[in-house]
Amino acid sequence: MRVNQANSAPIQNQDARSSEASKKAELKKAGYDVEAKSAPSTTKTDSVNAEISSKAKDMAKAKQIATDTSDVREAKIAELREKIQNKKYDVSSSAIADKLVDDHIRMAGA
């Protein structure tokens, strides 16, 4: 048997129909009204969209600030590095002990 384009067209159409049917089944399973070809009915108000938009702008601004800000305090590190190199960095053992006790009390109370 010889296959030409005229003979192969019905097979392609059948495959297309089968594929379309499976897509419709998936959409229906996801809650879409396949016959009406619309999304599931949900009610959205303009005020909700405005609130989300405002929050999105705030989040974008916060992200930009965080991106622009250095993770380390370079000036503080440079100052400490200089003190250590010049043997001028003095560690107060009582201040460290006080901080350890304060942190322990804070964590035990939490």
Foldseek 3Di string as FASTA:
>chain_A
DDDDPVNCVVVVVVVVVVVVVVVLVVQVVVPQPSVVPDRHDDDDDPVVVVVVVVVVVVVVVVVVVVVPDDPDDVVVVVVVVVCVVVVNDDDDPVVVVVVVVVVVVVVVVD
